C-alpha atoms as a PDB file:
ATOM      1  CA  MET A   1      12.772  92.737 -19.427  1.00  0.00           C
ATOM      2  CA  ALA A   2      10.482  95.049 -21.648  1.00  0.00           C
ATOM      3  CA  ALA A   3      14.111  95.622 -23.812  1.00  0.00           C
ATOM      4  CA  ASP A   4      12.828  91.922 -25.878  1.00  0.00           C
ATOM      5  CA  LYS A   5       9.375  92.376 -26.540  1.00  0.00           C
ATOM      6  CA  THR A   6      10.576  94.644 -28.805  1.00  0.00           C
ATOM      7  CA  LEU A   7      13.156  92.074 -30.674  1.00  0.00           C
ATOM      8  CA  ASP A   8      12.194  90.715 -33.984  1.00  0.00           C
ATOM      9  CA  PHE A   9      12.929  86.852 -33.345  1.00  0.00           C
ATOM     10  CA  SER A  10      10.499  86.017 -36.480  1.00  0.00           C
ATOM     11  CA  SER A  11      13.746  85.156 -39.028  1.00  0.00           C
ATOM     12  CA  PHE A  12      15.532  83.629 -36.106  1.00  0.00           C
ATOM     13  CA  ASP A  13      14.970  79.701 -37.805  1.00  0.00           C
ATOM     14  CA  THR A  14      16.496  81.507 -40.849  1.00  0.00           C
ATOM     15  CA  ASN A  15      19.307  83.119 -39.056  1.00  0.00           C
ATOM     16  CA  LEU A  16      20.331  80.143 -37.452  1.00  0.00           C
ATOM     17  CA  LEU A  17      20.411  77.913 -40.267  1.00  0.00           C
ATOM     18  CA  ARG A  18      22.247  80.436 -42.200  1.00  0.00           C
ATOM     19  CA  THR A  19      25.288  80.774 -39.687  1.00  0.00           C
ATOM     20  CA  VAL A  20      25.499  77.261 -38.940  1.00  0.00           C
ATOM     21  CA  GLU A  21      25.804  76.596 -42.384  1.00  0.00           C
ATOM     22  CA  GLY A  22      27.582  79.341 -43.324  1.00  0.00           C
ATOM     23  CA  LEU A  23      30.513  78.067 -40.554  1.00  0.00           C
ATOM     24  CA  GLY A  24      30.477  75.028 -42.623  1.00  0.00           C
ATOM     25  CA  ASN A  25      28.895  73.060 -39.429  1.00  0.00           C
ATOM     26  CA  VAL A  26      32.043  73.200 -37.593  1.00  0.00           C
ATOM     27  CA  VAL A  27      30.153  75.136 -34.612  1.00  0.00           C
ATOM     28  CA  ILE A  28      28.336  72.334 -33.825  1.00  0.00           C
ATOM     29  CA  ILE A  29      31.514  69.960 -33.346  1.00  0.00           C
ATOM     30  CA  ASP A  30      32.784  73.155 -31.099  1.00  0.00           C
ATOM     31  CA  ALA A  31      29.467  73.394 -29.387  1.00  0.00           C
ATOM     32  CA  MET A  32      29.412  69.281 -28.729  1.00  0.00           C
ATOM     33  CA  MET A  33      33.233  69.335 -27.756  1.00  0.00           C
ATOM     34  CA  ASP A  34      32.071  72.336 -25.136  1.00  0.00           C
ATOM     35  CA  GLY A  35      29.113  70.346 -23.915  1.00  0.00           C
ATOM     36  CA  ALA A  36      31.765  67.399 -23.616  1.00  0.00           C
ATOM     37  CA  ALA A  37      34.014  69.442 -21.140  1.00  0.00           C
ATOM     38  CA  ALA A  38      32.358  68.105 -18.423  1.00  0.00           C
ATOM     39  CA  LEU A  39      33.285  64.772 -19.287  1.00  0.00           C
ATOM     40  CA  ARG A  40      36.877  65.417 -18.485  1.00  0.00           C
ATOM     41  CA  ASN A  41      36.808  64.302 -15.033  1.00  0.00           C
ATOM     42  CA  ASP A  42      35.842  60.983 -16.139  1.00  0.00           C
ATOM     43  CA  PHE A  43      36.743  60.541 -19.645  1.00  0.00           C
ATOM     44  CA  ALA A  44      39.412  61.429 -22.343  1.00  0.00           C
ATOM     45  CA  VAL A  45      37.693  63.890 -24.686  1.00  0.00           C
ATOM     46  CA  ARG A  46      38.695  64.133 -28.307  1.00  0.00           C
ATOM     47  CA  THR A  47      37.978  64.379 -31.677  1.00  0.00           C
ATOM     48  CA  MET A  48      39.177  62.376 -34.403  1.00  0.00           C
ATOM     49  CA  ARG A  49      39.010  60.521 -37.497  1.00  0.00           C
ATOM     50  CA  ASP A  50      36.404  57.533 -37.763  1.00  0.00           C
ATOM     51  CA  LYS A  51      38.156  54.338 -37.428  1.00  0.00           C
ATOM     52  CA  ALA A  52      41.009  56.042 -35.644  1.00  0.00           C
ATOM     53  CA  ALA A  53      43.150  54.158 -33.300  1.00  0.00           C
ATOM     54  CA  LEU A  54      41.649  55.250 -29.681  1.00  0.00           C
ATOM     55  CA  VAL A  55      44.847  54.102 -27.948  1.00  0.00           C
ATOM     56  CA  SER A  56      47.225  57.738 -28.591  1.00  0.00           C
ATOM     57  CA  VAL A  57      50.630  57.613 -28.995  1.00  0.00           C
ATOM     58  CA  GLU A  58      51.190  59.719 -25.298  1.00  0.00           C
ATOM     59  CA  PHE A  59      49.046  56.986 -23.578  1.00  0.00           C
ATOM     60  CA  GLN A  60      50.967  54.182 -24.836  1.00  0.00           C
ATOM     61  CA  ASP A  61      54.432  55.768 -24.063  1.00  0.00           C
ATOM     62  CA  ALA A  62      53.179  57.010 -20.768  1.00  0.00           C
ATOM     63  CA  PHE A  63      52.124  53.147 -20.101  1.00  0.00           C
ATOM     64  CA  LYS A  64      55.298  51.747 -21.329  1.00  0.00           C
ATOM     65  CA  ALA A  65      57.904  54.171 -18.725  1.00  0.00           C
ATOM     66  CA  ALA A  66      55.075  53.279 -16.019  1.00  0.00           C
ATOM     67  CA  SER A  67      55.978  49.156 -17.163  1.00  0.00           C
ATOM     68  CA  ASP A  68      59.736  49.388 -17.293  1.00  0.00           C
ATOM     69  CA  SER A  69      59.871  50.923 -13.435  1.00  0.00           C
ATOM     70  CA  PHE A  70      58.421  47.177 -12.380  1.00  0.00           C
ATOM     71  CA  GLU A  71      61.089  45.544 -11.942  1.00  0.00           C
ATOM     72  CA  GLY A  72      63.382  46.939 -14.871  1.00  0.00           C
ATOM     73  CA  ARG A  73      60.616  44.582 -17.171  1.00  0.00           C
ATOM     74  CA  LYS A  74      60.497  46.051 -20.993  1.00  0.00           C
ATOM     75  CA  GLY A  75      57.419  48.121 -21.309  1.00  0.00           C
ATOM     76  CA  ALA A  76      54.557  45.377 -22.244  1.00  0.00           C
ATOM     77  CA  THR A  77      52.617  46.255 -25.972  1.00  0.00           C
ATOM     78  CA  ILE A  78      48.684  47.080 -25.601  1.00  0.00           C
ATOM     79  CA  ARG A  79      46.096  46.798 -28.211  1.00  0.00           C
ATOM     80  CA  SER A  80      44.108  49.709 -29.415  1.00  0.00           C
ATOM     81  CA  ARG A  81      40.626  49.348 -30.352  1.00  0.00           C
ATOM     82  CA  TYR A  82      39.544  51.767 -33.087  1.00  0.00           C
ATOM     83  CA  VAL A  83      36.901  53.980 -32.673  1.00  0.00           C
ATOM     84  CA  SER A  84      33.284  53.607 -34.650  1.00  0.00           C
ATOM     85  CA  PHE A  85      30.944  56.929 -34.824  1.00  0.00           C
ATOM     86  CA  THR A  86      27.176  56.340 -34.643  1.00  0.00           C
ATOM     87  CA  GLU A  87      24.704  59.651 -35.420  1.00  0.00           C
ATOM     88  CA  GLY A  88      22.465  60.686 -33.063  1.00  0.00           C
ATOM     89  CA  ASP A  89      19.762  63.657 -33.545  1.00  0.00           C
ATOM     90  CA  ILE A  90      18.978  65.589 -30.520  1.00  0.00           C
ATOM     91  CA  ASP A  91      15.566  66.834 -31.150  1.00  0.00           C
ATOM     92  CA  ILE A  92      13.943  69.738 -28.811  1.00  0.00           C
ATOM     93  CA  GLU A  93      10.746  71.944 -29.548  1.00  0.00           C
ATOM     94  CA  ILE A  94      11.838  75.517 -28.830  1.00  0.00           C
ATOM     95  CA  LYS A  95       9.313  77.808 -27.617  1.00  0.00           C
ATOM     96  CA  MET A  96       9.403  81.860 -28.456  1.00  0.00           C
ATOM     97  CA  SER A  97       9.763  82.471 -24.224  1.00  0.00           C
ATOM     98  CA  ASP A  98      12.751  79.802 -24.430  1.00  0.00           C
ATOM     99  CA  VAL A  99      14.479  81.842 -27.172  1.00  0.00           C
ATOM    100  CA  LYS A 100      13.632  85.116 -25.189  1.00  0.00           C
ATOM    101  CA  GLU A 101      15.259  83.687 -22.132  1.00  0.00           C
ATOM    102  CA  LEU A 102      18.552  82.440 -23.959  1.00  0.00           C
ATOM    103  CA  TYR A 103      18.385  85.507 -25.667  1.00  0.00           C
ATOM    104  CA  ARG A 104      18.816  87.289 -22.364  1.00  0.00           C
ATOM    105  CA  SER A 105      21.782  84.787 -20.930  1.00  0.00           C
ATOM    106  CA  TYR A 106      23.114  86.401 -24.207  1.00  0.00           C
ATOM    107  CA  LEU A 107      23.212  89.806 -23.195  1.00  0.00           C
ATOM    108  CA  GLY A 108      23.895  88.631 -19.686  1.00  0.00           C
ATOM    109  CA  TRP A 109      27.723  87.027 -21.806  1.00  0.00           C
ATOM    110  CA  ILE A 110      27.696  89.762 -23.617  1.00  0.00           C
ATOM    111  CA  ILE A 111      28.343  92.333 -21.228  1.00  0.00           C
ATOM    112  CA  ALA A 112      30.941  90.717 -18.830  1.00  0.00           C
ATOM    113  CA  PRO A 113      33.744  93.124 -17.827  1.00  0.00           C
ATOM    114  CA  ASP A 114      35.992  90.252 -19.215  1.00  0.00           C
ATOM    115  CA  ARG A 115      34.057  90.232 -22.517  1.00  0.00           C
ATOM    116  CA  SER A 116      36.249  91.102 -25.450  1.00  0.00           C
ATOM    117  CA  GLU A 117      35.049  92.481 -28.476  1.00  0.00           C
ATOM    118  CA  ALA A 118      36.500  89.582 -30.559  1.00  0.00           C
ATOM    119  CA  GLU A 119      34.628  86.811 -28.795  1.00  0.00           C
ATOM    120  CA  ILE A 120      31.413  88.908 -29.195  1.00  0.00           C
ATOM    121  CA  ARG A 121      32.399  89.228 -32.842  1.00  0.00           C
ATOM    122  CA  ASP A 122      32.533  85.208 -33.188  1.00  0.00           C
ATOM    123  CA  ASN A 123      29.848  84.465 -31.199  1.00  0.00           C
ATOM    124  CA  PRO A 124      26.362  85.766 -32.787  1.00  0.00           C
ATOM    125  CA  PHE A 125      23.226  84.886 -30.855  1.00  0.00           C
ATOM    126  CA  GLU A 126      22.802  81.871 -33.034  1.00  0.00           C
ATOM    127  CA  VAL A 127      26.364  80.391 -32.026  1.00  0.00           C
ATOM    128  CA  PHE A 128      25.356  80.977 -28.147  1.00  0.00           C
ATOM    129  CA  PHE A 129      22.003  79.494 -29.104  1.00  0.00           C
ATOM    130  CA  ILE A 130      23.278  76.238 -30.487  1.00  0.00           C
ATOM    131  CA  ARG A 131      26.544  75.899 -28.010  1.00  0.00           C
ATOM    132  CA  ARG A 132      23.976  76.311 -25.205  1.00  0.00           C
ATOM    133  CA  ILE A 133      21.300  73.656 -26.174  1.00  0.00           C
ATOM    134  CA  ILE A 134      24.311  71.673 -26.813  1.00  0.00           C
ATOM    135  CA  ALA A 135      26.148  71.503 -24.001  1.00  0.00           C
ATOM    136  CA  ASN A 136      22.443  71.272 -21.683  1.00  0.00           C
ATOM    137  CA  HIS A 137      21.988  68.374 -23.481  1.00  0.00           C
ATOM    138  CA  PHE A 138      25.023  66.463 -22.575  1.00  0.00           C
ATOM    139  CA  ALA A 139      23.634  66.572 -18.761  1.00  0.00           C
ATOM    140  CA  PHE A 140      21.498  63.777 -20.619  1.00  0.00           C
ATOM    141  CA  ILE A 141      24.296  62.020 -22.736  1.00  0.00           C
ATOM    142  CA  ARG A 142      26.926  61.811 -19.158  1.00  0.00           C
ATOM    143  CA  THR A 143      23.968  59.673 -17.538  1.00  0.00           C
ATOM    144  CA  LYS A 144      22.096  57.660 -20.218  1.00  0.00           C
ATOM    145  CA  THR A 145      24.533  57.049 -22.981  1.00  0.00           C
ATOM    146  CA  ALA A 146      28.047  56.607 -21.734  1.00  0.00           C
ATOM    147  CA  TRP A 147      27.515  53.837 -19.753  1.00  0.00           C
ATOM    148  CA  LYS A 148      23.705  52.533 -20.401  1.00  0.00           C
ATOM    149  CA  GLY A 149      23.453  53.183 -23.841  1.00  0.00           C
ATOM    150  CA  ALA A 150      22.098  51.169 -26.736  1.00  0.00           C
ATOM    151  CA  ILE A 151      21.411  51.714 -29.988  1.00  0.00           C
ATOM    152  CA  ASN A 152      17.571  52.230 -30.958  1.00  0.00           C
ATOM    153  CA  ASN A 153      16.507  54.153 -33.945  1.00  0.00           C
ATOM    154  CA  ALA A 154      12.921  53.516 -33.421  1.00  0.00           C
ATOM    155  CA  ASN A 155      13.181  55.505 -29.885  1.00  0.00           C
ATOM    156  CA  ILE A 156      14.243  58.962 -28.875  1.00  0.00           C
ATOM    157  CA  GLY A 157      16.429  59.581 -25.746  1.00  0.00           C
ATOM    158  CA  ALA A 158      19.648  60.067 -25.376  1.00  0.00           C
ATOM    159  CA  ASN A 159      20.360  56.180 -24.515  1.00  0.00           C
ATOM    160  CA  ASN A 160      19.192  55.397 -27.778  1.00  0.00           C
ATOM    161  CA  ILE A 161      21.725  57.349 -29.619  1.00  0.00           C
ATOM    162  CA  ALA A 162      24.957  55.383 -29.290  1.00  0.00           C
ATOM    163  CA  ASP A 163      25.958  52.022 -27.187  1.00  0.00           C
ATOM    164  CA  GLY A 164      27.439  52.727 -23.976  1.00  0.00           C
ATOM    165  CA  LEU A 165      30.019  51.228 -22.269  1.00  0.00           C
ATOM    166  CA  LEU A 166      28.157  48.390 -20.695  1.00  0.00           C
ATOM    167  CA  VAL A 167      27.142  47.099 -24.092  1.00  0.00           C
ATOM    168  CA  LYS A 168      30.800  47.726 -25.583  1.00  0.00           C
ATOM    169  CA  THR A 169      32.547  45.633 -22.866  1.00  0.00           C
ATOM    170  CA  ALA A 170      29.642  43.166 -22.480  1.00  0.00           C
ATOM    171  CA  ALA A 171      30.348  43.132 -26.613  1.00  0.00           C
ATOM    172  CA  SER A 172      34.285  42.641 -26.051  1.00  0.00           C
ATOM    173  CA  ARG A 173      33.841  39.996 -23.135  1.00  0.00           C
ATOM    174  CA  THR A 174      31.745  37.478 -25.694  1.00  0.00           C
ATOM    175  CA  SER A 175      34.044  37.880 -28.491  1.00  0.00           C
ATOM    176  CA  GLY A 176      37.134  37.496 -26.103  1.00  0.00           C
ATOM    177  CA  GLU A 177      38.619  40.820 -26.949  1.00  0.00           C
ATOM    178  CA  ILE A 178      38.578  41.268 -23.303  1.00  0.00           C
ATOM    179  CA  VAL A 179      40.378  37.909 -21.874  1.00  0.00           C
ATOM    180  CA  ALA A 180      38.159  36.066 -19.235  1.00  0.00           C
ATOM    181  CA  SER A 181      41.147  36.447 -16.557  1.00  0.00           C
ATOM    182  CA  HIS A 182      40.732  40.181 -16.470  1.00  0.00           C
ATOM    183  CA  VAL A 183      37.049  39.403 -15.672  1.00  0.00           C
ATOM    184  CA  PHE A 184      35.926  38.747 -12.283  1.00  0.00           C
ATOM    185  CA  THR A 185      32.619  36.547 -11.291  1.00  0.00           C
ATOM    186  CA  ALA A 186      30.699  38.512  -9.136  1.00  0.00           C
ATOM    187  CA  ALA A 187      28.385  37.213  -6.138  1.00  0.00           C
ATOM    188  CA  THR A 188      24.435  37.367  -7.394  1.00  0.00           C
ATOM    189  CA  THR A 189      24.049  40.016  -5.375  1.00  0.00           C
ATOM    190  CA  ILE A 190      26.417  42.502  -3.749  1.00  0.00           C
ATOM    191  CA  ASP A 191      25.285  43.807  -0.430  1.00  0.00           C
ATOM    192  CA  VAL A 192      26.562  44.911   2.897  1.00  0.00           C
ATOM    193  CA  THR A 193      28.207  41.649   3.140  1.00  0.00           C
ATOM    194  CA  ASN A 194      30.471  41.287   0.512  1.00  0.00           C
ATOM    195  CA  ALA A 195      31.158  44.636  -1.609  1.00  0.00           C
ATOM    196  CA  TYR A 196      34.403  44.761   0.387  1.00  0.00           C
ATOM    197  CA  ASP A 197      35.757  41.463  -1.495  1.00  0.00           C
ATOM    198  CA  GLN A 198      33.510  42.299  -4.667  1.00  0.00           C
ATOM    199  CA  VAL A 199      35.502  45.206  -5.011  1.00  0.00           C
ATOM    200  CA  ASN A 200      38.761  43.960  -3.959  1.00  0.00           C
ATOM    201  CA  GLY A 201      38.170  40.898  -6.479  1.00  0.00           C
ATOM    202  CA  VAL A 202      38.218  42.703  -9.438  1.00  0.00           C
ATOM    203  CA  ALA A 203      41.756  44.948  -8.173  1.00  0.00           C
ATOM    204  CA  ASP A 204      43.025  41.538  -7.444  1.00  0.00           C
ATOM    205  CA  LEU A 205      42.924  40.155 -11.058  1.00  0.00           C
ATOM    206  CA  ILE A 206      45.259  43.442 -11.579  1.00  0.00           C
ATOM    207  CA  LYS A 207      47.997  41.801  -9.365  1.00  0.00           C
ATOM    208  CA  SER A 208      47.599  38.051 -10.812  1.00  0.00           C
ATOM    209  CA  THR A 209      47.324  39.058 -14.295  1.00  0.00           C
ATOM    210  CA  ARG A 210      49.331  42.277 -15.200  1.00  0.00           C
ATOM    211  CA  PRO A 211      51.235  43.365 -12.187  1.00  0.00           C
ATOM    212  CA  GLU A 212      53.389  46.057 -13.829  1.00  0.00           C
ATOM    213  CA  MET A 213      49.448  48.355 -13.838  1.00  0.00           C
ATOM    214  CA  LEU A 214      50.173  48.508  -9.817  1.00  0.00           C
ATOM    215  CA  ASN A 215      52.659  51.280 -10.843  1.00  0.00           C
ATOM    216  CA  MET A 216      49.868  53.581 -12.896  1.00  0.00           C
ATOM    217  CA  GLU A 217      47.464  55.782 -11.499  1.00  0.00           C
ATOM    218  CA  LEU A 218      44.039  53.717 -12.049  1.00  0.00           C
ATOM    219  CA  GLU A 219      40.500  54.336 -11.050  1.00  0.00           C
ATOM    220  CA  CYS A 220      37.900  52.378  -9.811  1.00  0.00           C
ATOM    221  CA  LYS A 221      34.511  52.683 -11.492  1.00  0.00           C
ATOM    222  CA  LEU A 222      30.941  52.302  -9.457  1.00  0.00           C
ATOM    223  CA  SER A 223      27.544  53.403  -8.396  1.00  0.00           C
ATOM    224  CA  GLN A 224      26.983  55.447  -5.523  1.00  0.00           C
ATOM    225  CA  SER A 225      25.201  52.722  -4.151  1.00  0.00           C
ATOM    226  CA  VAL A 226      27.644  50.317  -4.447  1.00  0.00           C
ATOM    227  CA  TYR A 227      30.310  52.257  -3.137  1.00  0.00           C
ATOM    228  CA  ASP A 228      27.600  53.137  -0.030  1.00  0.00           C
ATOM    229  CA  LEU A 229      27.549  49.034   0.231  1.00  0.00           C
ATOM    230  CA  TYR A 230      31.315  49.081   0.089  1.00  0.00           C
ATOM    231  CA  ARG A 231      32.102  51.531   3.105  1.00  0.00           C
ATOM    232  CA  LYS A 232      29.429  49.754   5.587  1.00  0.00           C
ATOM    233  CA  ASN A 233      30.641  46.356   4.755  1.00  0.00           C
ATOM    234  CA  ARG A 234      34.587  48.028   5.620  1.00  0.00           C
ATOM    235  CA  ARG A 235      32.775  49.168   8.448  1.00  0.00           C
ATOM    236  CA  ALA A 236      31.387  45.899   9.578  1.00  0.00           C
ATOM    237  CA  LEU A 237      35.054  44.781   8.994  1.00  0.00           C
ATOM    238  CA  PHE A 238      37.342  46.890  10.568  1.00  0.00           C
ATOM    239  CA  SER A 239      34.699  48.251  13.179  1.00  0.00           C
ATOM    240  CA  GLN A 240      38.056  49.148  15.785  1.00  0.00           C
ATOM    241  CA  HIS A 241      39.298  51.034  12.890  1.00  0.00           C
ATOM    242  CA  VAL A 242      36.975  52.583  10.598  1.00  0.00           C
ATOM    243  CA  GLY A 243      34.418  55.377  11.777  1.00  0.00           C
ATOM    244  CA  PRO A 244      30.841  55.906  10.568  1.00  0.00           C
ATOM    245  CA  GLY A 245      31.396  58.882   8.394  1.00  0.00           C
ATOM    246  CA  GLU A 246      34.976  57.593   6.888  1.00  0.00           C
ATOM    247  CA  LYS A 247      35.030  57.482   2.929  1.00  0.00           C
ATOM    248  CA  PRO A 248      37.900  55.888   1.625  1.00  0.00           C
ATOM    249  CA  THR A 249      39.756  57.443  -1.328  1.00  0.00           C
ATOM    250  CA  GLU A 250      41.664  54.799  -2.235  1.00  0.00           C
ATOM    251  CA  LEU A 251      41.229  50.885  -1.970  1.00  0.00           C
ATOM    252  CA  ASP A 252      42.883  49.554   1.090  1.00  0.00           C
ATOM    253  CA  ASP A 253      45.305  46.995  -0.159  1.00  0.00           C
ATOM    254  CA  TYR A 254      45.929  49.038  -3.423  1.00  0.00           C
ATOM    255  CA  SER A 255      46.787  52.805  -2.848  1.00  0.00           C
ATOM    256  CA  ASN A 256      46.850  53.445  -6.747  1.00  0.00           C
ATOM    257  CA  ILE A 257      43.291  52.878  -7.242  1.00  0.00           C
ATOM    258  CA  LYS A 258      41.034  55.672  -6.136  1.00  0.00           C
ATOM    259  CA  PHE A 259      37.648  55.752  -6.073  1.00  0.00           C
ATOM    260  CA  LYS A 260      35.891  57.255  -9.084  1.00  0.00           C
ATOM    261  CA  ILE A 261      31.738  57.283  -8.366  1.00  0.00           C
ATOM    262  CA  ASP A 262      30.123  57.432 -11.609  1.00  0.00           C
ATOM    263  CA  PRO A 263      26.375  58.877 -11.889  1.00  0.00           C
ATOM    264  CA  GLY A 264      25.935  56.676 -15.611  1.00  0.00           C
ATOM    265  CA  LEU A 265      26.730  53.761 -12.981  1.00  0.00           C
ATOM    266  CA  ALA A 266      23.572  54.919 -10.860  1.00  0.00           C
ATOM    267  CA  GLY A 267      21.367  51.464 -10.677  1.00  0.00           C
ATOM    268  CA  LYS A 268      24.254  49.618 -12.028  1.00  0.00           C
ATOM    269  CA  SER A 269      26.489  46.928 -10.068  1.00  0.00           C
ATOM    270  CA  THR A 270      29.219  47.217 -12.333  1.00  0.00           C
ATOM    271  CA  ILE A 271      32.811  47.540 -10.933  1.00  0.00           C
ATOM    272  CA  MET A 272      35.558  48.300 -13.098  1.00  0.00           C
ATOM    273  CA  VAL A 273      39.280  49.208 -12.868  1.00  0.00           C
ATOM    274  CA  THR A 274      41.119  50.984 -15.674  1.00  0.00           C
ATOM    275  CA  PRO A 275      43.505  53.961 -16.061  1.00  0.00           C
ATOM    276  CA  HIS A 276      41.673  57.492 -16.437  1.00  0.00           C
ATOM    277  CA  ASP A 277      41.998  57.780 -20.092  1.00  0.00           C
ATOM    278  CA  ASN A 278      41.180  54.342 -21.473  1.00  0.00           C
ATOM    279  CA  LEU A 279      37.764  55.606 -21.370  1.00  0.00           C
ATOM    280  CA  VAL A 280      37.068  57.492 -24.065  1.00  0.00           C
ATOM    281  CA  PHE A 281      34.204  60.285 -26.020  1.00  0.00           C
ATOM    282  CA  ALA A 282      35.160  60.822 -28.848  1.00  0.00           C
ATOM    283  CA  GLY A 283      33.425  63.108 -31.038  1.00  0.00           C
ATOM    284  CA  ASN A 284      33.639  63.090 -35.189  1.00  0.00           C
ATOM    285  CA  GLU A 285      36.493  65.780 -36.802  1.00  0.00           C
ATOM    286  CA  ASP A 286      34.348  65.033 -40.007  1.00  0.00           C
ATOM    287  CA  PRO A 287      31.744  68.532 -40.260  1.00  0.00           C
ATOM    288  CA  GLY A 288      30.086  66.708 -43.405  1.00  0.00           C
ATOM    289  CA  THR A 289      28.260  64.059 -40.450  1.00  0.00           C
ATOM    290  CA  TYR A 290      27.039  66.715 -38.697  1.00  0.00           C
ATOM    291  CA  TYR A 291      23.674  68.478 -39.521  1.00  0.00           C
ATOM    292  CA  ILE A 292      20.974  70.839 -38.225  1.00  0.00           C
ATOM    293  CA  ASN A 293      17.758  71.702 -39.406  1.00  0.00           C
ATOM    294  CA  ILE A 294      14.933  74.074 -38.122  1.00  0.00           C
ATOM    295  CA  VAL A 295      11.119  74.098 -39.043  1.00  0.00           C
ATOM    296  CA  ARG A 296       8.565  77.000 -37.587  1.00  0.00           C
ATOM    297  CA  GLN A 297       5.302  76.016 -35.826  1.00  0.00           C
ATOM    298  CA  VAL A 298       2.624  78.325 -34.939  1.00  0.00           C
ATOM    299  CA  LYS A 299       3.870  78.621 -31.372  1.00  0.00           C
ATOM    300  CA  SER A 300       7.496  77.337 -31.626  1.00  0.00           C
ATOM    301  CA  TRP A 301      10.537  75.654 -33.320  1.00  0.00           C
ATOM    302  CA  GLN A 302      11.189  72.161 -33.973  1.00  0.00           C
ATOM    303  CA  LEU A 303      15.025  71.980 -33.972  1.00  0.00           C
ATOM    304  CA  THR A 304      16.962  68.607 -35.264  1.00  0.00           C
ATOM    305  CA  VAL A 305      20.846  68.963 -34.452  1.00  0.00           C
ATOM    306  CA  ARG A 306      22.673  65.749 -35.727  1.00  0.00           C
ATOM    307  CA  VAL A 307      26.005  65.001 -33.883  1.00  0.00           C
ATOM    308  CA  SER A 308      28.313  62.171 -34.557  1.00  0.00           C
ATOM    309  CA  LEU A 309      29.870  60.884 -31.264  1.00  0.00           C
ATOM    310  CA  ALA A 310      31.550  57.715 -29.378  1.00  0.00           C
ATOM    311  CA  PHE A 311      32.125  55.973 -25.986  1.00  0.00           C
ATOM    312  CA  ASP A 312      34.594  53.571 -26.008  1.00  0.00           C
ATOM    313  CA  PHE A 313      37.841  51.845 -24.316  1.00  0.00           C
ATOM    314  CA  ALA A 314      40.842  52.462 -26.021  1.00  0.00           C
ATOM    315  CA  SER A 315      42.718  49.650 -24.529  1.00  0.00           C
ATOM    316  CA  PRO A 316      40.901  45.812 -23.788  1.00  0.00           C
ATOM    317  CA  ASP A 317      44.677  44.910 -21.891  1.00  0.00           C
ATOM    318  CA  LEU A 318      43.715  48.071 -19.765  1.00  0.00           C
ATOM    319  CA  ILE A 319      40.083  46.703 -18.574  1.00  0.00           C
ATOM    320  CA  PHE A 320      39.579  44.941 -15.436  1.00  0.00           C
ATOM    321  CA  LEU A 321      35.773  44.497 -14.457  1.00  0.00           C
ATOM    322  CA  ASN A 322      32.887  42.301 -13.274  1.00  0.00           C
ATOM    323  CA  ASP A 323      30.611  40.331 -14.817  1.00  0.00           C
ATOM    324  CA  LYS A 324      27.761  42.352 -13.493  1.00  0.00           C
ATOM    325  CA  VAL A 325      26.140  44.560 -16.548  1.00  0.00           C
END
C-alpha cells in the first residue's frame, strides 16, 4: 500500500497515448478481442475486414457434411450475410485511486509464478491498463449490446454503440431475408400455460422447412424467465414424470436442440433456434478504425476508446425464431 504512494503517475496520460499509438492501435484490437473471449460461450468470435462474408468456409463445409448424412441428400447451400461494422466510444472517467488500484493488480500479475519475462516485457502497465478497462466494459456489451443494442449517437452507454441481434433480425424479417416460414407466430403472452408449446413451435418450423438441420447441434436461445416458464408448464403437462427440480438441457422432442439461457435476452420473450456459430461477434481487423484519447482533469482523467465491432447472424437460412422482439 505504501509503495504506490511513491509512484509518479503525473505522466500517465502521455505514457498511455505514446504506448498505444506506438503499437499502431493494435493493442486496442487485442484488448477488445480479449474482452470478447467471454462471449465465446454464446457467439462465434472473429476479427474480420469490413464487408467480409460472415459464413466461413469451415462453417459451410460443416453444414454440408451434416446435410449429406440426411437421406443421402446433396449438401444444401446457405446464404451469407456480410459484416458491417459500427464504431462506438467507451467513455470513462478514471480517478487516481482507480489507476493505483489497477497498478496494484498489475504488480500482482507480474509476480505470478508462471509469468515469463517476455510476457512482462510485452505488457507494460499501460497495455495492462487498457486491456483491463476494455475487458471490464465487455460485461455491459454482453448484456446491453449483443441483443438489445440500437445505434444512437446522441446517447451514451453500451446499448447505444451498435445494433444488436433483435434489431437486425427484425429488419431481416421485414425485408424478407429471413423468410416467413422461419418465423413462429407467438402467443400474445408467453406464460406458464403455453411456454412448452411456444418453444416447440419454433423447433417444429425446422422439421417442416429444413429437416436436414435436425442432424446438426442447435441451440435454443431464450431468457431465464422464459426458460423457467417452460419448466413450470412442462411440469404441469407431465406431472407424473417431471419433478419440481428438473432442469432440462434439451427439448423433449428434439435431442439435437440444447437450451442456452442468454443474459442478453433478460426481459425479452424472444425464442431463437440456430447453430452456435451462426451468431457472430466480429471485431474490425483494421487498426485505423480504432482510437484512444485521454485528457487530464484536476483530480481524474477522461478516457475515450473508440472500438469497431458488430453483432450479427451469419446466415438467415439457419435462423428460426418467434416474432417477439
